[in-house]
PDB file of all heavy atoms in Angstrom:
ATOM      1  N   GLN A   1      21.695  13.784  15.349  1.00  0.00           N
ATOM      2  CA  GLN A   1      21.753  13.662  13.895  1.00  0.00           C
ATOM      3  C   GLN A   1      21.676  12.248  13.434  1.00  0.00           C
ATOM      4  O   GLN A   1      20.925  11.910  12.426  1.00  0.00           O
ATOM      5  CB  GLN A   1      23.078  14.373  13.442  1.00  0.00           C
ATOM      6  CG  GLN A   1      23.146  14.356  11.960  1.00  0.00           C
ATOM      7  CD  GLN A   1      21.994  15.098  11.223  1.00  0.00           C
ATOM      8  OE1 GLN A   1      21.580  16.131  11.611  1.00  0.00           O
ATOM      9  NE2 GLN A   1      21.614  14.569  10.020  1.00  0.00           N
ATOM     10  N   GLU A   2      22.427  11.408  14.075  1.00  0.00           N
ATOM     11  CA  GLU A   2      22.348   9.969  13.752  1.00  0.00           C
ATOM     12  C   GLU A   2      21.040   9.368  13.970  1.00  0.00           C
ATOM     13  O   GLU A   2      20.477   8.511  13.242  1.00  0.00           O
ATOM     14  CB  GLU A   2      23.555   9.162  14.614  1.00  0.00           C
ATOM     15  CG  GLU A   2      23.616   7.782  14.176  1.00  0.00           C
ATOM     16  CD  GLU A   2      24.584   6.908  14.967  1.00  0.00           C
ATOM     17  OE1 GLU A   2      25.327   7.564  15.875  1.00  0.00           O
ATOM     18  OE2 GLU A   2      24.556   5.728  14.950  1.00  0.00           O
ATOM     19  N   GLY A   3      20.351   9.804  15.040  1.00  0.00           N
ATOM     20  CA  GLY A   3      19.036   9.316  15.372  1.00  0.00           C
ATOM     21  C   GLY A   3      18.051   9.761  14.308  1.00  0.00           C
ATOM     22  O   GLY A   3      17.155   8.973  13.867  1.00  0.00           O
ATOM     23  N   TYR A   4      18.162  10.928  13.805  1.00  0.00           N
ATOM     24  CA  TYR A   4      17.337  11.454  12.663  1.00  0.00           C
ATOM     25  C   TYR A   4      17.603  10.552  11.383  1.00  0.00           C
ATOM     26  O   TYR A   4      16.515  10.159  10.753  1.00  0.00           O
ATOM     27  CB  TYR A   4      17.554  12.919  12.293  1.00  0.00           C
ATOM     28  CG  TYR A   4      16.974  13.491  11.131  1.00  0.00           C
ATOM     29  CD1 TYR A   4      15.546  13.624  11.109  1.00  0.00           C
ATOM     30  CD2 TYR A   4      17.753  13.815  10.041  1.00  0.00           C
ATOM     31  CE1 TYR A   4      14.970  14.166  10.001  1.00  0.00           C
ATOM     32  CE2 TYR A   4      17.099  14.273   8.823  1.00  0.00           C
ATOM     33  CZ  TYR A   4      15.709  14.409   8.819  1.00  0.00           C
ATOM     34  OH  TYR A   4      15.095  14.866   7.688  1.00  0.00           O
ATOM     35  N   GLU A   5      18.819  10.350  11.059  1.00  0.00           N
ATOM     36  CA  GLU A   5      19.066   9.518   9.814  1.00  0.00           C
ATOM     37  C   GLU A   5      18.583   8.117  10.041  1.00  0.00           C
ATOM     38  O   GLU A   5      18.115   7.473   9.100  1.00  0.00           O
ATOM     39  CB  GLU A   5      20.709   9.584   9.648  1.00  0.00           C
ATOM     40  CG  GLU A   5      21.175  10.839   9.250  1.00  0.00           C
ATOM     41  CD  GLU A   5      22.616  11.090   9.300  1.00  0.00           C
ATOM     42  OE1 GLU A   5      23.276  10.059   9.611  1.00  0.00           O
ATOM     43  OE2 GLU A   5      23.103  12.236   9.151  1.00  0.00           O
ATOM     44  N   LYS A   6      18.777   7.540  11.274  1.00  0.00           N
ATOM     45  CA  LYS A   6      18.293   6.067  11.450  1.00  0.00           C
ATOM     46  C   LYS A   6      16.750   6.116  11.523  1.00  0.00           C
ATOM     47  O   LYS A   6      16.163   5.169  11.097  1.00  0.00           O
ATOM     48  CB  LYS A   6      18.761   5.625  12.773  1.00  0.00           C
ATOM     49  CG  LYS A   6      20.245   5.271  12.645  1.00  0.00           C
ATOM     50  CD  LYS A   6      20.702   4.212  13.605  1.00  0.00           C
ATOM     51  CE  LYS A   6      22.137   3.852  13.383  1.00  0.00           C
ATOM     52  NZ  LYS A   6      22.560   2.667  13.868  1.00  0.00           N
ATOM     53  N   PHE A   7      16.077   7.206  11.946  1.00  0.00           N
ATOM     54  CA  PHE A   7      14.608   7.320  11.788  1.00  0.00           C
ATOM     55  C   PHE A   7      14.153   7.215  10.390  1.00  0.00           C
ATOM     56  O   PHE A   7      13.341   6.384  10.062  1.00  0.00           O
ATOM     57  CB  PHE A   7      14.057   8.592  12.467  1.00  0.00           C
ATOM     58  CG  PHE A   7      12.507   8.772  12.335  1.00  0.00           C
ATOM     59  CD1 PHE A   7      11.767   8.213  13.299  1.00  0.00           C
ATOM     60  CD2 PHE A   7      12.028   9.397  11.191  1.00  0.00           C
ATOM     61  CE1 PHE A   7      10.340   8.318  13.263  1.00  0.00           C
ATOM     62  CE2 PHE A   7      10.665   9.608  11.194  1.00  0.00           C
ATOM     63  CZ  PHE A   7       9.773   9.034  12.112  1.00  0.00           C
ATOM     64  N   ILE A   8      14.819   7.803   9.462  1.00  0.00           N
ATOM     65  CA  ILE A   8      14.477   7.875   8.068  1.00  0.00           C
ATOM     66  C   ILE A   8      14.730   6.384   7.572  1.00  0.00           C
ATOM     67  O   ILE A   8      13.907   5.714   6.849  1.00  0.00           O
ATOM     68  CB  ILE A   8      15.261   8.709   7.269  1.00  0.00           C
ATOM     69  CG1 ILE A   8      14.908  10.230   7.582  1.00  0.00           C
ATOM     70  CG2 ILE A   8      15.161   8.588   5.789  1.00  0.00           C
ATOM     71  CD1 ILE A   8      15.754  11.245   7.172  1.00  0.00           C
ATOM     72  N   GLU A   9      15.820   5.756   7.868  1.00  0.00           N
ATOM     73  CA  GLU A   9      16.287   4.526   7.448  1.00  0.00           C
ATOM     74  C   GLU A   9      15.373   3.380   7.927  1.00  0.00           C
ATOM     75  O   GLU A   9      15.048   2.361   7.199  1.00  0.00           O
ATOM     76  CB  GLU A   9      17.744   4.195   7.814  1.00  0.00           C
ATOM     77  CG  GLU A   9      18.337   2.881   7.576  1.00  0.00           C
ATOM     78  CD  GLU A   9      19.531   2.605   8.221  1.00  0.00           C
ATOM     79  OE1 GLU A   9      20.366   3.582   8.559  1.00  0.00           O
ATOM     80  OE2 GLU A   9      19.946   1.413   8.253  1.00  0.00           O
ATOM     81  N   LEU A  10      15.076   3.359   9.274  1.00  0.00           N
ATOM     82  CA  LEU A  10      14.396   2.247   9.844  1.00  0.00           C
ATOM     83  C   LEU A  10      12.927   2.337  10.113  1.00  0.00           C
ATOM     84  O   LEU A  10      12.343   1.314  10.272  1.00  0.00           O
ATOM     85  CB  LEU A  10      15.086   2.021  11.292  1.00  0.00           C
ATOM     86  CG  LEU A  10      16.674   1.725  11.276  1.00  0.00           C
ATOM     87  CD1 LEU A  10      17.223   1.653  12.632  1.00  0.00           C
ATOM     88  CD2 LEU A  10      16.959   0.461  10.510  1.00  0.00           C
ATOM     89  N   ASP A  11      12.319   3.617   9.982  1.00  0.00           N
ATOM     90  CA  ASP A  11      10.892   3.715  10.263  1.00  0.00           C
ATOM     91  C   ASP A  11      10.475   3.043  11.382  1.00  0.00           C
ATOM     92  O   ASP A  11       9.511   2.174  11.325  1.00  0.00           O
ATOM     93  CB  ASP A  11      10.126   3.268   8.875  1.00  0.00           C
ATOM     94  CG  ASP A  11       8.724   3.627   8.916  1.00  0.00           C
ATOM     95  OD1 ASP A  11       8.331   4.744   9.521  1.00  0.00           O
ATOM     96  OD2 ASP A  11       7.956   2.952   8.401  1.00  0.00           O
ATOM     97  N   PRO A  12      10.862   3.444  12.619  1.00  0.00           N
ATOM     98  CA  PRO A  12      10.457   2.786  13.817  1.00  0.00           C
ATOM     99  C   PRO A  12       9.074   3.187  14.179  1.00  0.00           C
ATOM    100  O   PRO A  12       8.421   4.317  13.764  1.00  0.00           O
ATOM    101  CB  PRO A  12      11.335   3.324  14.947  1.00  0.00           C
ATOM    102  CG  PRO A  12      11.823   4.671  14.271  1.00  0.00           C
ATOM    103  CD  PRO A  12      11.846   4.494  12.821  1.00  0.00           C
ATOM    104  N   ASP A  13       8.393   2.361  14.966  1.00  0.00           N
ATOM    105  CA  ASP A  13       6.960   2.740  15.569  1.00  0.00           C
ATOM    106  C   ASP A  13       7.191   3.770  16.669  1.00  0.00           C
ATOM    107  O   ASP A  13       6.348   4.770  16.808  1.00  0.00           O
ATOM    108  CB  ASP A  13       6.364   1.544  16.253  1.00  0.00           C
ATOM    109  CG  ASP A  13       6.196   0.481  15.233  1.00  0.00           C
ATOM    110  OD1 ASP A  13       5.712   0.744  14.108  1.00  0.00           O
ATOM    111  OD2 ASP A  13       6.249  -0.729  15.645  1.00  0.00           O
ATOM    112  N   ILE A  14       8.284   3.710  17.499  1.00  0.00           N
ATOM    113  CA  ILE A  14       8.536   4.730  18.552  1.00  0.00           C
ATOM    114  C   ILE A  14      10.008   5.017  18.745  1.00  0.00           C
ATOM    115  O   ILE A  14      10.753   4.106  18.393  1.00  0.00           O
ATOM    116  CB  ILE A  14       8.010   3.963  19.942  1.00  0.00           C
ATOM    117  CG1 ILE A  14       6.606   3.766  19.783  1.00  0.00           C
ATOM    118  CG2 ILE A  14       8.313   4.829  21.100  1.00  0.00           C
ATOM    119  CD1 ILE A  14       5.940   2.890  21.011  1.00  0.00           C
ATOM    120  N   VAL A  15      10.286   6.196  19.039  1.00  0.00           N
ATOM    121  CA  VAL A  15      11.615   6.608  19.340  1.00  0.00           C
ATOM    122  C   VAL A  15      11.778   7.121  20.718  1.00  0.00           C
ATOM    123  O   VAL A  15      10.916   7.914  21.143  1.00  0.00           O
ATOM    124  CB  VAL A  15      12.076   7.796  18.445  1.00  0.00           C
ATOM    125  CG1 VAL A  15      13.506   8.328  18.660  1.00  0.00           C
ATOM    126  CG2 VAL A  15      11.840   7.455  16.895  1.00  0.00           C
ATOM    127  N   THR A  16      12.823   6.522  21.469  1.00  0.00           N
ATOM    128  CA  THR A  16      13.180   7.205  22.699  1.00  0.00           C
ATOM    129  C   THR A  16      14.401   8.133  22.493  1.00  0.00           C
ATOM    130  O   THR A  16      15.325   7.671  21.852  1.00  0.00           O
ATOM    131  CB  THR A  16      13.573   6.138  23.798  1.00  0.00           C
ATOM    132  OG1 THR A  16      14.690   5.511  23.407  1.00  0.00           O
ATOM    133  CG2 THR A  16      12.398   5.178  24.075  1.00  0.00           C
ATOM    134  N   MET A  17      14.192   9.419  22.832  1.00  0.00           N
ATOM    135  CA  MET A  17      15.083  10.454  22.591  1.00  0.00           C
ATOM    136  C   MET A  17      15.648  11.182  23.809  1.00  0.00           C
ATOM    137  O   MET A  17      14.856  11.813  24.471  1.00  0.00           O
ATOM    138  CB  MET A  17      14.486  11.445  21.624  1.00  0.00           C
ATOM    139  CG  MET A  17      15.243  12.533  21.198  1.00  0.00           C
ATOM    140  SD  MET A  17      16.381  12.188  19.715  1.00  0.00           S
ATOM    141  CE  MET A  17      15.146  11.861  18.520  1.00  0.00           C
ATOM    142  N   ASP A  18      16.890  10.986  24.033  1.00  0.00           N
ATOM    143  CA  ASP A  18      17.652  11.771  25.092  1.00  0.00           C
ATOM    144  C   ASP A  18      17.557  13.222  24.627  1.00  0.00           C
ATOM    145  O   ASP A  18      17.530  13.543  23.453  1.00  0.00           O
ATOM    146  CB  ASP A  18      18.941  11.280  25.249  1.00  0.00           C
ATOM    147  CG  ASP A  18      19.711  11.895  26.467  1.00  0.00           C
ATOM    148  OD1 ASP A  18      19.085  12.406  27.448  1.00  0.00           O
ATOM    149  OD2 ASP A  18      20.980  11.820  26.578  1.00  0.00           O
ATOM    150  N   ILE A  19      17.587  14.052  25.597  1.00  0.00           N
ATOM    151  CA  ILE A  19      17.544  15.585  25.364  1.00  0.00           C
ATOM    152  C   ILE A  19      19.027  16.108  25.152  1.00  0.00           C
ATOM    153  O   ILE A  19      19.344  16.720  24.047  1.00  0.00           O
ATOM    154  CB  ILE A  19      16.862  16.388  26.388  1.00  0.00           C
ATOM    155  CG1 ILE A  19      15.317  16.135  26.276  1.00  0.00           C
ATOM    156  CG2 ILE A  19      17.103  17.939  26.133  1.00  0.00           C
ATOM    157  CD1 ILE A  19      14.488  16.961  27.116  1.00  0.00           C
ATOM    158  N   THR A  20      19.931  15.818  25.971  1.00  0.00           N
ATOM    159  CA  THR A  20      21.207  16.396  25.988  1.00  0.00           C
ATOM    160  C   THR A  20      22.202  15.395  25.293  1.00  0.00           C
ATOM    161  O   THR A  20      22.473  14.278  25.883  1.00  0.00           O
ATOM    162  CB  THR A  20      21.741  16.593  27.432  1.00  0.00           C
ATOM    163  OG1 THR A  20      20.815  17.484  28.060  1.00  0.00           O
ATOM    164  CG2 THR A  20      23.136  17.340  27.434  1.00  0.00           C
ATOM    165  N   MET A  21      22.631  15.717  23.994  1.00  0.00           N
ATOM    166  CA  MET A  21      23.489  14.951  23.226  1.00  0.00           C
ATOM    167  C   MET A  21      24.402  15.824  22.407  1.00  0.00           C
ATOM    168  O   MET A  21      24.024  16.949  22.019  1.00  0.00           O
ATOM    169  CB  MET A  21      22.692  14.047  22.343  1.00  0.00           C
ATOM    170  CG  MET A  21      21.861  13.003  22.997  1.00  0.00           C
ATOM    171  SD  MET A  21      20.991  11.814  21.869  1.00  0.00           S
ATOM    172  CE  MET A  21      19.754  13.018  21.214  1.00  0.00           C
ATOM    173  N   PRO A  22      25.489  15.347  22.068  1.00  0.00           N
ATOM    174  CA  PRO A  22      26.332  16.118  21.038  1.00  0.00           C
ATOM    175  C   PRO A  22      25.881  16.078  19.701  1.00  0.00           C
ATOM    176  O   PRO A  22      24.851  15.447  19.397  1.00  0.00           O
ATOM    177  CB  PRO A  22      27.702  15.347  21.158  1.00  0.00           C
ATOM    178  CG  PRO A  22      27.356  13.961  21.420  1.00  0.00           C
ATOM    179  CD  PRO A  22      26.114  14.067  22.324  1.00  0.00           C
ATOM    180  N   VAL A  23      26.496  16.861  18.780  1.00  0.00           N
ATOM    181  CA  VAL A  23      26.164  17.037  17.394  1.00  0.00           C
ATOM    182  C   VAL A  23      24.852  17.739  17.169  1.00  0.00           C
ATOM    183  O   VAL A  23      24.723  18.782  16.718  1.00  0.00           O
ATOM    184  CB  VAL A  23      26.248  15.647  16.592  1.00  0.00           C
ATOM    185  CG1 VAL A  23      26.073  15.932  15.072  1.00  0.00           C
ATOM    186  CG2 VAL A  23      27.566  15.012  16.805  1.00  0.00           C
ATOM    187  N   LEU A  24      23.789  17.013  17.499  1.00  0.00           N
ATOM    188  CA  LEU A  24      22.353  17.589  17.410  1.00  0.00           C
ATOM    189  C   LEU A  24      21.730  17.146  18.659  1.00  0.00           C
ATOM    190  O   LEU A  24      21.592  15.934  18.967  1.00  0.00           O
ATOM    191  CB  LEU A  24      21.606  17.184  16.193  1.00  0.00           C
ATOM    192  CG  LEU A  24      20.212  17.640  15.969  1.00  0.00           C
ATOM    193  CD1 LEU A  24      20.215  19.172  15.798  1.00  0.00           C
ATOM    194  CD2 LEU A  24      19.650  16.998  14.813  1.00  0.00           C
ATOM    195  N   ASP A  25      21.199  18.011  19.547  1.00  0.00           N
ATOM    196  CA  ASP A  25      20.573  17.599  20.727  1.00  0.00           C
ATOM    197  C   ASP A  25      19.169  16.982  20.418  1.00  0.00           C
ATOM    198  O   ASP A  25      18.648  17.070  19.276  1.00  0.00           O
ATOM    199  CB  ASP A  25      20.324  18.664  21.823  1.00  0.00           C
ATOM    200  CG  ASP A  25      19.540  19.766  21.445  1.00  0.00           C
ATOM    201  OD1 ASP A  25      18.725  19.664  20.511  1.00  0.00           O
ATOM    202  OD2 ASP A  25      19.461  20.831  22.140  1.00  0.00           O
ATOM    203  N   GLY A  26      18.473  16.431  21.490  1.00  0.00           N
ATOM    204  CA  GLY A  26      17.242  15.740  21.292  1.00  0.00           C
ATOM    205  C   GLY A  26      16.086  16.704  20.804  1.00  0.00           C
ATOM    206  O   GLY A  26      15.273  16.302  19.989  1.00  0.00           O
TER     207      GLY A  26
END
């Protein structure tokens, strides 16, 4: 979830995303 929010905020070229995480998985 935090990754999604930071994607919107930061507009990165590339995201590395773990699969197994709390709150919202990869």
